Protein backbone atom coordinates (compact mmCIF):
# COMPACT_ATOMS: atom_id res chain seq x y z
CA UNK A 1 17.25 -24.78 -12.25
CA UNK A 2 16.11 -22.39 -9.55
CA UNK A 3 12.72 -22.36 -7.89
CA UNK A 4 9.96 -20.11 -9.13
CA UNK A 5 11.27 -16.56 -8.89
CA UNK A 6 8.90 -13.71 -9.72
CA UNK A 7 11.09 -10.87 -10.91
CA UNK A 8 10.29 -7.81 -12.92
CA UNK A 9 6.58 -7.66 -12.05
CA UNK A 10 5.31 -4.11 -11.61
CA UNK A 11 2.28 -3.89 -9.35
CA UNK A 12 2.12 -0.08 -9.35
CA UNK A 13 -1.09 -0.05 -11.44
CA UNK A 14 -2.70 -2.44 -8.93
CA UNK A 15 -1.69 -0.26 -5.98
CA UNK A 16 -2.99 2.88 -7.68
CA UNK A 17 -6.25 1.07 -8.43
CA UNK A 18 -6.61 0.05 -4.79
CA UNK A 19 -5.84 3.57 -3.57
CA UNK A 20 -8.41 5.01 -5.97
CA UNK A 21 -11.11 2.73 -4.53
CA UNK A 22 -10.85 3.91 -0.92
CA UNK A 23 -14.44 4.28 0.25
CA UNK A 24 -15.88 1.71 -2.20
CA UNK A 25 -17.37 -1.65 -1.20
CA UNK A 26 -14.47 -4.08 -0.56
CA UNK A 27 -15.96 -7.25 -2.07
CA UNK A 28 -16.37 -5.55 -5.45
CA UNK A 29 -12.92 -3.96 -5.30
CA UNK A 30 -11.30 -7.29 -4.38
CA UNK A 31 -13.14 -9.21 -7.13
CA UNK A 32 -12.16 -6.66 -9.76
CA UNK A 33 -8.49 -6.60 -8.71
CA UNK A 34 -8.16 -10.39 -8.25
CA UNK A 35 -9.71 -11.06 -11.67
CA UNK A 36 -6.76 -9.33 -13.32
CA UNK A 37 -4.02 -11.04 -11.31
CA UNK A 38 -2.44 -14.48 -11.52
CA UNK A 39 -2.53 -14.65 -7.69
CA UNK A 40 -4.13 -12.36 -5.07
CA UNK A 41 -1.07 -12.02 -2.79
CA UNK A 42 0.02 -8.54 -4.05
CA UNK A 43 -3.35 -7.10 -3.00
CA UNK A 44 -2.50 -7.84 0.60
CA UNK A 45 0.93 -6.24 0.38
CA UNK A 46 -0.99 -2.95 0.56
CA UNK A 47 -4.27 -3.94 2.25
CA UNK A 48 -4.01 -5.15 5.84
CA UNK A 49 -6.01 -8.31 6.52
CA UNK A 50 -6.32 -7.62 10.24
CA UNK A 51 -5.60 -5.00 12.89
CA UNK A 52 -1.98 -5.93 13.68
CA UNK A 53 -0.98 -5.80 9.97
CA UNK A 54 -2.03 -2.15 9.56
CA UNK A 55 0.78 0.16 8.47
CA UNK A 56 0.83 3.85 7.69
CA UNK A 57 3.30 3.39 4.83
CA UNK A 58 4.14 0.24 2.89
CA UNK A 59 7.47 -0.16 1.09
CA UNK A 60 7.26 -2.07 -2.16
CA UNK A 61 10.54 -2.78 -3.87
CA UNK A 62 13.60 -0.69 -3.11
CA UNK A 63 12.23 2.83 -3.28
CA UNK A 64 8.46 2.83 -3.77
CA UNK A 65 6.23 3.70 -0.84
CA UNK A 66 2.44 3.65 -0.75
CA UNK A 67 -0.10 4.50 1.92
CA UNK A 68 -1.20 1.39 3.75
CA UNK A 69 -4.86 0.41 3.48
CA UNK A 70 -7.25 -1.66 5.57
CA UNK A 71 -10.87 -2.76 5.33
CA UNK A 72 -13.02 -1.21 8.04
CA UNK A 73 -15.80 -2.94 9.97
CA UNK A 74 -18.34 -1.95 7.31
CA UNK A 75 -16.35 -3.68 4.54
CA UNK A 76 -15.07 -0.42 3.04
CA UNK A 77 -11.39 0.04 2.11
CA UNK A 78 -9.92 2.88 4.14
CA UNK A 79 -6.57 4.55 4.32
CA UNK A 80 -4.88 5.89 7.40
CA UNK A 81 -6.70 7.98 10.00
CA UNK A 82 -6.77 11.78 9.78
CA UNK A 83 -3.40 13.45 10.10
CA UNK A 84 -1.43 10.77 8.29
CA UNK A 85 0.29 11.30 4.91
CA UNK A 86 -1.91 11.53 1.82
CA UNK A 87 -2.70 8.67 -0.51
CA UNK A 88 -0.45 7.63 -3.36
CA UNK A 89 3.20 6.84 -3.83
CA UNK A 90 5.87 8.72 -1.90
CA UNK A 91 9.52 8.92 -2.85
CA UNK A 92 12.35 8.23 -0.44
CA UNK A 93 13.37 11.91 -0.64
CA UNK A 94 9.87 13.00 0.39
CA UNK A 95 9.99 10.68 3.40
CA UNK A 96 13.47 11.89 4.34
CA UNK A 97 12.35 15.51 4.03
CA UNK A 98 9.29 14.84 6.21
CA UNK A 99 11.44 13.22 8.89
CA UNK A 100 13.93 16.09 8.79
CA UNK A 101 11.09 18.61 9.10
CA UNK A 102 9.72 16.77 12.16
CA UNK A 103 13.28 16.28 13.46
CA UNK A 104 12.66 12.54 13.86
CA UNK A 105 15.62 11.60 11.68
CA UNK A 106 19.18 12.91 11.97
CA UNK A 107 22.02 12.67 9.54
CA UNK A 108 25.30 11.73 11.23
């Protein structure tokens, strides 16, 4: 009755896999990840395809945040430059706390 809705799919294992492969050769990482998926789109929710898509943090779902990734000029997956938050998932409370510590977010 409705179009194709993709609900209830958990891509957390994929995102953790991608984060664990930072520094590895991209073609191999991509082939291994894509071989286990029905479509490659979720890979690029976390990995920027080009410069203007790069993000420090990527929100997936309602409350899951992961470090954004990109593929450098040498074809190696990389995370954010030095000084940015560490790799892995971050809860909303951790982000809120970080903003409060830096005084970049105020509660009204």
